[in-house]
C-alpha atoms as a PDB file:
ATOM      1  CA  MET A   1    -174.347  31.001   4.453  1.00  0.00           C
ATOM      2  CA  TYR A   2    -173.134  30.504   8.019  1.00  0.00           C
ATOM      3  CA  CYS A   3    -176.607  31.127   9.483  1.00  0.00           C
ATOM      4  CA  ALA A   4    -178.279  28.533   7.258  1.00  0.00           C
ATOM      5  CA  PRO A   5    -178.977  25.293   9.126  1.00  0.00           C
ATOM      6  CA  PHE A   6    -177.053  23.128   6.642  1.00  0.00           C
ATOM      7  CA  SER A   7    -173.868  25.053   7.498  1.00  0.00           C
ATOM      8  CA  CYS A   8    -174.428  26.448  10.979  1.00  0.00           C
ATOM      9  CA  GLU A   9    -173.084  24.793  14.137  1.00  0.00           C
ATOM     10  CA  PRO A  10    -174.870  26.136  17.256  1.00  0.00           C
ATOM     11  CA  THR A  11    -172.148  25.083  19.674  1.00  0.00           C
ATOM     12  CA  ASN A  12    -169.473  26.888  17.640  1.00  0.00           C
ATOM     13  CA  SER A  13    -171.527  30.040  17.064  1.00  0.00           C
ATOM     14  CA  HIS A  14    -171.672  33.394  18.830  1.00  0.00           C
ATOM     15  CA  ALA A  15    -174.945  32.426  20.461  1.00  0.00           C
ATOM     16  CA  PRO A  16    -177.148  29.329  20.552  1.00  0.00           C
ATOM     17  CA  ASP A  17    -179.775  31.113  18.456  1.00  0.00           C
ATOM     18  CA  SER A  18    -177.329  32.206  15.748  1.00  0.00           C
ATOM     19  CA  CYS A  19    -178.503  29.428  13.481  1.00  0.00           C
ATOM     20  CA  TRP A  20    -181.730  29.749  11.550  1.00  0.00           C
ATOM     21  CA  SER A  21    -184.318  27.130  12.449  1.00  0.00           C
ATOM     22  CA  THR A  22    -184.291  23.908  10.427  1.00  0.00           C
ATOM     23  CA  PRO A  23    -187.114  23.565   7.876  1.00  0.00           C
ATOM     24  CA  HIS A  24    -188.104  19.876   7.858  1.00  0.00           C
ATOM     25  CA  CYS A  25    -189.090  17.507   5.099  1.00  0.00           C
ATOM     26  CA  VAL A  26    -192.168  17.980   2.942  1.00  0.00           C
ATOM     27  CA  ASP A  27    -193.062  15.962  -0.137  1.00  0.00           C
ATOM     28  CA  GLU A  28    -192.068  17.995  -3.179  1.00  0.00           C
ATOM     29  CA  LYS A  29    -191.292  17.755  -6.862  1.00  0.00           C
ATOM     30  CA  VAL A  30    -188.740  20.253  -8.092  1.00  0.00           C
ATOM     31  CA  ASP A  31    -188.522  21.059 -11.797  1.00  0.00           C
ATOM     32  CA  PHE A  32    -185.423  23.062 -12.806  1.00  0.00           C
ATOM     33  CA  SER A  33    -186.576  23.619 -16.395  1.00  0.00           C
ATOM     34  CA  LYS A  34    -188.448  26.845 -15.524  1.00  0.00           C
ATOM     35  CA  PRO A  35    -186.316  29.750 -14.233  1.00  0.00           C
ATOM     36  CA  ASN A  36    -187.677  31.949 -11.427  1.00  0.00           C
ATOM     37  CA  ASN A  37    -190.059  29.266 -10.188  1.00  0.00           C
ATOM     38  CA  GLY A  38    -188.669  29.117  -6.648  1.00  0.00           C
ATOM     39  CA  ALA A  39    -186.598  26.018  -7.354  1.00  0.00           C
ATOM     40  CA  PHE A  40    -183.150  27.618  -7.041  1.00  0.00           C
ATOM     41  CA  ALA A  41    -181.390  30.711  -5.708  1.00  0.00           C
ATOM     42  CA  GLN A  42    -177.876  31.911  -5.087  1.00  0.00           C
ATOM     43  CA  ILE A  43    -176.896  31.816  -1.429  1.00  0.00           C
ATOM     44  CA  ALA A  44    -176.740  35.629  -1.122  1.00  0.00           C
ATOM     45  CA  ALA A  45    -180.409  35.850  -2.089  1.00  0.00           C
ATOM     46  CA  TYR A  46    -181.604  33.235   0.414  1.00  0.00           C
ATOM     47  CA  LYS A  47    -182.988  34.525   3.725  1.00  0.00           C
ATOM     48  CA  GLY A  48    -184.006  31.290   5.351  1.00  0.00           C
ATOM     49  CA  ASN A  49    -187.486  30.758   3.918  1.00  0.00           C
ATOM     50  CA  PRO A  50    -187.564  27.413   2.011  1.00  0.00           C
ATOM     51  CA  THR A  51    -190.680  28.423   0.074  1.00  0.00           C
ATOM     52  CA  THR A  52    -188.596  31.005  -1.786  1.00  0.00           C
ATOM     53  CA  ALA A  53    -185.904  28.546  -2.882  1.00  0.00           C
ATOM     54  CA  LYS A  54    -185.865  24.772  -2.628  1.00  0.00           C
ATOM     55  CA  TYR A  55    -182.143  24.569  -3.499  1.00  0.00           C
ATOM     56  CA  VAL A  56    -179.328  27.093  -3.132  1.00  0.00           C
ATOM     57  CA  SER A  57    -175.727  27.310  -4.291  1.00  0.00           C
ATOM     58  CA  GLN A  58    -173.349  27.057  -1.334  1.00  0.00           C
ATOM     59  CA  HIS A  59    -170.354  28.866  -2.789  1.00  0.00           C
ATOM     60  CA  GLU A  60    -169.393  32.308  -4.092  1.00  0.00           C
ATOM     61  CA  PRO A  61    -168.431  32.868  -6.784  1.00  0.00           C
ATOM     62  CA  SER A  62    -171.160  30.500  -7.871  1.00  0.00           C
ATOM     63  CA  ASN A  63    -170.746  28.078 -10.753  1.00  0.00           C
ATOM     64  CA  ALA A  64    -174.372  26.937 -10.535  1.00  0.00           C
ATOM     65  CA  LYS A  65    -177.352  28.284 -12.448  1.00  0.00           C
ATOM     66  CA  GLN A  66    -180.608  27.347 -14.123  1.00  0.00           C
ATOM     67  CA  ALA A  67    -180.033  27.106 -17.871  1.00  0.00           C
ATOM     68  CA  ASN A  68    -180.912  24.845 -20.805  1.00  0.00           C
ATOM     69  CA  ASP A  69    -183.975  23.465 -19.011  1.00  0.00           C
ATOM     70  CA  GLN A  70    -181.976  22.179 -16.049  1.00  0.00           C
ATOM     71  CA  LEU A  71    -179.862  23.100 -13.059  1.00  0.00           C
ATOM     72  CA  GLU A  72    -176.236  23.298 -14.224  1.00  0.00           C
ATOM     73  CA  LEU A  73    -173.186  22.908 -11.983  1.00  0.00           C
ATOM     74  CA  THR A  74    -169.930  23.595 -13.794  1.00  0.00           C
ATOM     75  CA  LEU A  75    -166.300  22.828 -12.992  1.00  0.00           C
ATOM     76  CA  VAL A  76    -164.231  25.889 -13.973  1.00  0.00           C
ATOM     77  CA  LYS A  77    -160.475  25.963 -14.609  1.00  0.00           C
ATOM     78  CA  GLN A  78    -158.496  28.278 -12.356  1.00  0.00           C
ATOM     79  CA  PRO A  79    -155.169  30.015 -13.133  1.00  0.00           C
ATOM     80  CA  ASP A  80    -153.330  27.282 -11.205  1.00  0.00           C
ATOM     81  CA  ASN A  81    -154.905  24.670 -13.523  1.00  0.00           C
ATOM     82  CA  LYS A  82    -157.031  23.303 -10.684  1.00  0.00           C
ATOM     83  CA  GLY A  83    -160.774  23.229 -10.941  1.00  0.00           C
ATOM     84  CA  PHE A  84    -163.318  25.153  -8.867  1.00  0.00           C
ATOM     85  CA  GLY A  85    -166.695  23.491  -8.935  1.00  0.00           C
ATOM     86  CA  ALA A  86    -170.107  23.947  -7.368  1.00  0.00           C
ATOM     87  CA  THR A  87    -172.365  22.556  -4.677  1.00  0.00           C
ATOM     88  CA  VAL A  88    -176.126  23.019  -4.588  1.00  0.00           C
ATOM     89  CA  ILE A  89    -177.981  21.969  -1.425  1.00  0.00           C
ATOM     90  CA  GLY A  90    -181.633  21.567  -0.478  1.00  0.00           C
ATOM     91  CA  THR A  91    -183.070  24.012   2.012  1.00  0.00           C
ATOM     92  CA  ARG A  92    -185.167  21.404   3.820  1.00  0.00           C
ATOM     93  CA  ALA A  93    -183.736  18.605   5.951  1.00  0.00           C
ATOM     94  CA  ILE A  94    -184.818  15.013   5.506  1.00  0.00           C
ATOM     95  CA  GLN A  95    -184.675  12.141   7.962  1.00  0.00           C
ATOM     96  CA  PHE A  96    -185.700   9.027   6.049  1.00  0.00           C
ATOM     97  CA  GLY A  97    -187.556   9.072   2.735  1.00  0.00           C
ATOM     98  CA  THR A  98    -187.034   8.547  -0.965  1.00  0.00           C
ATOM     99  CA  VAL A  99    -184.993  10.970  -3.080  1.00  0.00           C
ATOM    100  CA  SER A 100    -185.020  10.629  -6.880  1.00  0.00           C
ATOM    101  CA  ALA A 101    -183.198  12.851  -9.360  1.00  0.00           C
ATOM    102  CA  VAL A 102    -183.013  12.898 -13.148  1.00  0.00           C
ATOM    103  CA  LEU A 103    -179.495  13.979 -14.012  1.00  0.00           C
ATOM    104  CA  ARG A 104    -176.511  13.725 -16.316  1.00  0.00           C
ATOM    105  CA  SER A 105    -173.030  13.496 -14.856  1.00  0.00           C
ATOM    106  CA  GLY A 106    -170.460  16.177 -15.628  1.00  0.00           C
ATOM    107  CA  SER A 107    -167.536  13.750 -15.268  1.00  0.00           C
ATOM    108  CA  ALA A 108    -166.467  13.671 -18.898  1.00  0.00           C
ATOM    109  CA  SER A 109    -162.776  13.456 -17.976  1.00  0.00           C
ATOM    110  CA  GLY A 110    -160.762  11.597 -15.402  1.00  0.00           C
ATOM    111  CA  GLY A 111    -160.394  13.734 -12.308  1.00  0.00           C
ATOM    112  CA  VAL A 112    -163.877  15.261 -12.524  1.00  0.00           C
ATOM    113  CA  VAL A 113    -166.186  14.005  -9.784  1.00  0.00           C
ATOM    114  CA  SER A 114    -169.943  14.554  -9.782  1.00  0.00           C
ATOM    115  CA  SER A 115    -172.222  13.524  -6.929  1.00  0.00           C
ATOM    116  CA  MET A 116    -175.711  13.256  -5.512  1.00  0.00           C
ATOM    117  CA  ILE A 117    -175.573  13.119  -1.708  1.00  0.00           C
ATOM    118  CA  ILE A 118    -177.788  13.026   1.371  1.00  0.00           C
ATOM    119  CA  ARG A 119    -175.518  14.317   4.144  1.00  0.00           C
ATOM    120  CA  ASN A 120    -175.332  15.884   7.577  1.00  0.00           C
ATOM    121  CA  ASP A 121    -172.103  17.899   7.532  1.00  0.00           C
ATOM    122  CA  VAL A 122    -172.059  18.396  11.318  1.00  0.00           C
ATOM    123  CA  VAL A 123    -172.557  14.765  12.288  1.00  0.00           C
ATOM    124  CA  GLY A 124    -170.846  13.247   9.254  1.00  0.00           C
ATOM    125  CA  ASP A 125    -173.592  10.864   8.165  1.00  0.00           C
ATOM    126  CA  GLU A 126    -173.828  10.426   4.372  1.00  0.00           C
ATOM    127  CA  ILE A 127    -175.515   8.366   1.649  1.00  0.00           C
ATOM    128  CA  ASP A 128    -174.322   9.003  -1.900  1.00  0.00           C
ATOM    129  CA  PHE A 129    -174.013   8.414  -5.590  1.00  0.00           C
ATOM    130  CA  GLU A 130    -170.634   9.430  -7.056  1.00  0.00           C
ATOM    131  CA  PHE A 131    -169.491   9.611 -10.653  1.00  0.00           C
ATOM    132  CA  VAL A 132    -165.851   9.580 -11.747  1.00  0.00           C
ATOM    133  CA  GLY A 133    -164.668  10.373 -15.248  1.00  0.00           C
ATOM    134  CA  SER A 134    -162.772   7.101 -15.676  1.00  0.00           C
ATOM    135  CA  GLU A 135    -166.008   5.105 -15.238  1.00  0.00           C
ATOM    136  CA  ARG A 136    -168.831   6.476 -17.344  1.00  0.00           C
ATOM    137  CA  GLY A 137    -170.793   3.253 -17.639  1.00  0.00           C
ATOM    138  CA  THR A 138    -171.532   2.889 -13.902  1.00  0.00           C
ATOM    139  CA  VAL A 139    -172.149   4.997 -10.817  1.00  0.00           C
ATOM    140  CA  GLN A 140    -170.616   4.344  -7.404  1.00  0.00           C
ATOM    141  CA  SER A 141    -172.619   4.094  -4.174  1.00  0.00           C
ATOM    142  CA  ASN A 142    -171.465   4.454  -0.594  1.00  0.00           C
ATOM    143  CA  TYR A 143    -172.525   5.493   2.897  1.00  0.00           C
ATOM    144  CA  TYR A 144    -170.722   6.850   5.932  1.00  0.00           C
ATOM    145  CA  TRP A 145    -171.457   7.123   9.637  1.00  0.00           C
ATOM    146  CA  HIS A 146    -170.175   9.880  11.937  1.00  0.00           C
ATOM    147  CA  GLN A 147    -167.241  10.927   9.738  1.00  0.00           C
ATOM    148  CA  GLU A 148    -165.825   7.384   9.484  1.00  0.00           C
ATOM    149  CA  LEU A 149    -164.588   7.372   5.889  1.00  0.00           C
ATOM    150  CA  ASP A 150    -164.627   3.670   5.121  1.00  0.00           C
ATOM    151  CA  TYR A 151    -164.124   3.568   1.332  1.00  0.00           C
ATOM    152  CA  THR A 152    -164.134  -0.219   1.258  1.00  0.00           C
ATOM    153  CA  LYS A 153    -167.950  -0.227   1.353  1.00  0.00           C
ATOM    154  CA  MET A 154    -168.247   1.311  -2.145  1.00  0.00           C
ATOM    155  CA  ILE A 155    -170.321  -0.719  -4.625  1.00  0.00           C
ATOM    156  CA  ARG A 156    -170.848   0.055  -8.330  1.00  0.00           C
ATOM    157  CA  SER A 157    -174.174  -0.049 -10.088  1.00  0.00           C
ATOM    158  CA  GLN A 158    -175.112  -2.257 -12.960  1.00  0.00           C
ATOM    159  CA  ALA A 159    -173.918  -1.137 -16.396  1.00  0.00           C
ATOM    160  CA  VAL A 160    -175.804   1.880 -17.774  1.00  0.00           C
ATOM    161  CA  SER A 161    -175.440   3.949 -20.922  1.00  0.00           C
ATOM    162  CA  ASP A 162    -172.806   6.719 -20.766  1.00  0.00           C
ATOM    163  CA  THR A 163    -173.681   8.765 -17.661  1.00  0.00           C
ATOM    164  CA  THR A 164    -172.082  11.904 -19.131  1.00  0.00           C
ATOM    165  CA  LYS A 165    -174.227  11.842 -22.281  1.00  0.00           C
ATOM    166  CA  ASN A 166    -177.484  10.353 -21.057  1.00  0.00           C
ATOM    167  CA  TYR A 167    -179.926  11.287 -18.331  1.00  0.00           C
ATOM    168  CA  HIS A 168    -180.814   8.578 -15.837  1.00  0.00           C
ATOM    169  CA  THR A 169    -183.007   8.485 -12.751  1.00  0.00           C
ATOM    170  CA  TYR A 170    -180.967   7.954  -9.578  1.00  0.00           C
ATOM    171  CA  GLN A 171    -182.857   7.044  -6.452  1.00  0.00           C
ATOM    172  CA  ILE A 172    -182.001   6.571  -2.754  1.00  0.00           C
ATOM    173  CA  GLN A 173    -184.696   4.968  -0.618  1.00  0.00           C
ATOM    174  CA  TRP A 174    -183.744   5.549   3.012  1.00  0.00           C
ATOM    175  CA  THR A 175    -185.786   4.140   5.879  1.00  0.00           C
ATOM    176  CA  PRO A 176    -185.049   3.417   9.547  1.00  0.00           C
ATOM    177  CA  ASP A 177    -184.342  -0.194   8.541  1.00  0.00           C
ATOM    178  CA  GLN A 178    -182.506  -0.082   5.221  1.00  0.00           C
ATOM    179  CA  ILE A 179    -181.061   1.919   2.316  1.00  0.00           C
ATOM    180  CA  VAL A 180    -181.727   0.945  -1.290  1.00  0.00           C
ATOM    181  CA  TRP A 181    -179.879   2.475  -4.275  1.00  0.00           C
ATOM    182  CA  SER A 182    -181.502   2.309  -7.746  1.00  0.00           C
ATOM    183  CA  VAL A 183    -180.769   3.485 -11.271  1.00  0.00           C
ATOM    184  CA  ASP A 184    -183.667   3.746 -13.700  1.00  0.00           C
ATOM    185  CA  ASN A 185    -185.917   1.869 -11.257  1.00  0.00           C
ATOM    186  CA  GLN A 186    -183.466  -1.055 -11.053  1.00  0.00           C
ATOM    187  CA  ALA A 187    -182.236  -1.596  -7.501  1.00  0.00           C
ATOM    188  CA  PHE A 188    -178.586  -2.679  -7.333  1.00  0.00           C
ATOM    189  CA  ARG A 189    -177.728  -2.357  -3.660  1.00  0.00           C
ATOM    190  CA  THR A 190    -179.384  -2.743  -0.248  1.00  0.00           C
ATOM    191  CA  VAL A 191    -177.823  -2.034   3.141  1.00  0.00           C
ATOM    192  CA  LYS A 192    -179.791  -3.122   6.181  1.00  0.00           C
ATOM    193  CA  ARG A 193    -179.382  -1.320   9.469  1.00  0.00           C
ATOM    194  CA  ALA A 194    -179.211  -4.647  11.292  1.00  0.00           C
ATOM    195  CA  ASP A 195    -176.062  -5.522   9.348  1.00  0.00           C
ATOM    196  CA  THR A 196    -174.212  -2.359  10.457  1.00  0.00           C
ATOM    197  CA  TRP A 197    -173.944  -3.410  14.109  1.00  0.00           C
ATOM    198  CA  ASP A 198    -170.438  -2.842  15.477  1.00  0.00           C
ATOM    199  CA  ALA A 199    -170.012  -5.141  18.468  1.00  0.00           C
ATOM    200  CA  ALA A 200    -166.876  -3.363  19.722  1.00  0.00           C
ATOM    201  CA  ALA A 201    -168.510   0.067  19.657  1.00  0.00           C
ATOM    202  CA  LYS A 202    -171.892  -1.365  20.687  1.00  0.00           C
ATOM    203  CA  THR A 203    -173.740   0.703  18.124  1.00  0.00           C
ATOM    204  CA  TYR A 204    -175.285   0.507  14.684  1.00  0.00           C
ATOM    205  CA  LYS A 205    -173.081   2.427  12.269  1.00  0.00           C
ATOM    206  CA  TYR A 206    -176.047   3.389  10.134  1.00  0.00           C
ATOM    207  CA  PRO A 207    -176.677   6.932   8.882  1.00  0.00           C
ATOM    208  CA  GLU A 208    -179.862   8.218  10.492  1.00  0.00           C
ATOM    209  CA  SER A 209    -179.315  11.890  11.362  1.00  0.00           C
ATOM    210  CA  GLU A 210    -181.459  14.544   9.722  1.00  0.00           C
ATOM    211  CA  SER A 211    -179.594  15.496   6.541  1.00  0.00           C
ATOM    212  CA  TYR A 212    -179.715  17.588   3.357  1.00  0.00           C
ATOM    213  CA  VAL A 213    -179.892  16.600  -0.297  1.00  0.00           C
ATOM    214  CA  SER A 214    -177.083  18.086  -2.369  1.00  0.00           C
ATOM    215  CA  PHE A 215    -175.437  17.903  -5.795  1.00  0.00           C
ATOM    216  CA  SER A 216    -171.848  18.814  -6.557  1.00  0.00           C
ATOM    217  CA  ILE A 217    -169.037  18.766  -9.094  1.00  0.00           C
ATOM    218  CA  TRP A 218    -165.380  19.067  -8.062  1.00  0.00           C
ATOM    219  CA  ASP A 219    -161.776  18.477  -9.074  1.00  0.00           C
ATOM    220  CA  GLY A 220    -160.741  15.168  -7.545  1.00  0.00           C
ATOM    221  CA  GLY A 221    -157.660  14.968  -9.751  1.00  0.00           C
ATOM    222  CA  SER A 222    -155.992  17.763  -7.764  1.00  0.00           C
ATOM    223  CA  GLY A 223    -156.516  16.034  -4.445  1.00  0.00           C
ATOM    224  CA  GLU A 224    -154.351  13.703  -2.418  1.00  0.00           C
ATOM    225  CA  ALA A 225    -152.749  10.814  -4.303  1.00  0.00           C
ATOM    226  CA  GLY A 226    -155.423   8.309  -3.255  1.00  0.00           C
ATOM    227  CA  THR A 227    -158.257  10.666  -4.162  1.00  0.00           C
ATOM    228  CA  ALA A 228    -156.669  11.555  -7.511  1.00  0.00           C
ATOM    229  CA  ALA A 229    -156.217   7.884  -8.397  1.00  0.00           C
ATOM    230  CA  TRP A 230    -159.837   7.134  -7.499  1.00  0.00           C
ATOM    231  CA  ALA A 231    -161.040  10.114  -9.514  1.00  0.00           C
ATOM    232  CA  GLY A 232    -159.108   8.989 -12.609  1.00  0.00           C
ATOM    233  CA  GLY A 233    -156.048  11.257 -12.574  1.00  0.00           C
ATOM    234  CA  ALA A 234    -155.605  14.880 -13.538  1.00  0.00           C
ATOM    235  CA  VAL A 235    -158.462  16.712 -15.254  1.00  0.00           C
ATOM    236  CA  GLN A 236    -158.049  16.860 -19.048  1.00  0.00           C
ATOM    237  CA  TRP A 237    -159.211  20.411 -19.650  1.00  0.00           C
ATOM    238  CA  GLY A 238    -159.358  19.881 -23.396  1.00  0.00           C
ATOM    239  CA  ALA A 239    -162.514  17.811 -22.776  1.00  0.00           C
ATOM    240  CA  ALA A 240    -164.316  20.738 -21.097  1.00  0.00           C
ATOM    241  CA  PRO A 241    -166.947  21.969 -20.441  1.00  0.00           C
ATOM    242  CA  PHE A 242    -167.732  19.791 -17.450  1.00  0.00           C
ATOM    243  CA  VAL A 243    -171.380  20.338 -16.534  1.00  0.00           C
ATOM    244  CA  LEU A 244    -173.501  18.325 -14.125  1.00  0.00           C
ATOM    245  CA  GLY A 245    -177.087  18.751 -15.317  1.00  0.00           C
ATOM    246  CA  VAL A 246    -180.028  18.082 -12.972  1.00  0.00           C
ATOM    247  CA  LYS A 247    -183.475  18.203 -14.573  1.00  0.00           C
ATOM    248  CA  SER A 248    -185.600  17.405 -11.551  1.00  0.00           C
ATOM    249  CA  VAL A 249    -185.626  16.157  -7.961  1.00  0.00           C
ATOM    250  CA  ASN A 250    -188.459  14.379  -6.164  1.00  0.00           C
ATOM    251  CA  VAL A 251    -188.538  13.997  -2.378  1.00  0.00           C
ATOM    252  CA  ASP A 252    -191.002  11.652  -0.680  1.00  0.00           C
ATOM    253  CA  CYS A 253    -190.794  11.992   3.128  1.00  0.00           C
ATOM    254  CA  PHE A 254    -190.939   8.800   5.142  1.00  0.00           C
ATOM    255  CA  PHE A 255    -192.971  10.423   7.918  1.00  0.00           C
ATOM    256  CA  LYS A 256    -196.013  12.249   6.524  1.00  0.00           C
ATOM    257  CA  GLY A 257    -197.208  15.667   7.594  1.00  0.00           C
ATOM    258  CA  ASN A 258    -196.688  19.315   6.776  1.00  0.00           C
ATOM    259  CA  GLU A 259    -193.126  19.303   8.160  1.00  0.00           C
ATOM    260  CA  THR A 260    -191.949  15.955   9.420  1.00  0.00           C
ATOM    261  CA  THR A 261    -188.881  14.756  11.226  1.00  0.00           C
ATOM    262  CA  TYR A 262    -188.027  11.567  13.046  1.00  0.00           C
ATOM    263  CA  LYS A 263    -188.197  11.594  16.821  1.00  0.00           C
ATOM    264  CA  PRO A 264    -186.441   8.705  18.615  1.00  0.00           C
ATOM    265  CA  PRO A 265    -188.634   6.737  21.034  1.00  0.00           C
ATOM    266  CA  ALA A 266    -188.560   7.872  24.663  1.00  0.00           C
ATOM    267  CA  GLY A 267    -185.490   6.465  26.391  1.00  0.00           C
ATOM    268  CA  ALA A 268    -183.662   5.650  23.151  1.00  0.00           C
END
């Protein structure tokens, strides 16, 4: 897990070459309905070749598996009544492109948070969809730059049918100029890079580092007071099971080629 590029930090490692090389974006359609098709693997089985597994579970013990014609991430109750969830992450990095996923939220109780995220854990850039159990008729969108957790930028989607009972298509279109969030092909939010200029810092606070697509489910109700309130309070375990189901993921790279990544212009 610590050698994989989505977790590894070269400057904090034993040697600069401790980290496996980063596999870059390729256009791909991932169908989780067929087990053993190279779509998913547990982290212990992954040796760094993205052709063997397009997505891997980041944690052990793992609460993620392919079952019931989908990828399932489950929040499991622990002896201390807190939940231990799951995170599944793509094995190829993306820097600009369109990511679409057909999924059903697992947030069938307050406190249970489900998410679809494009994130660079080292830099702290993120673009996301997040589902909380107290709001099943919308999904929340947000973005972050360099670990600056500004929650005031969150915007909800239009009303949709119960996200815990129905599958919807969630899409993030990310280009060098703007980010567009859509549900079922209906765009509800656009953030333009030009509008993220911070005059004091003299920089655009716009996520643009090469990142990884991930899905997760976790216990927000056991977090800090602010997090618990946002998540909808303590998890009501009587409403379990809490399963985030992902049927498919499509990635369309912005820069075309066999393995593509953005290179800043000379002198940038």
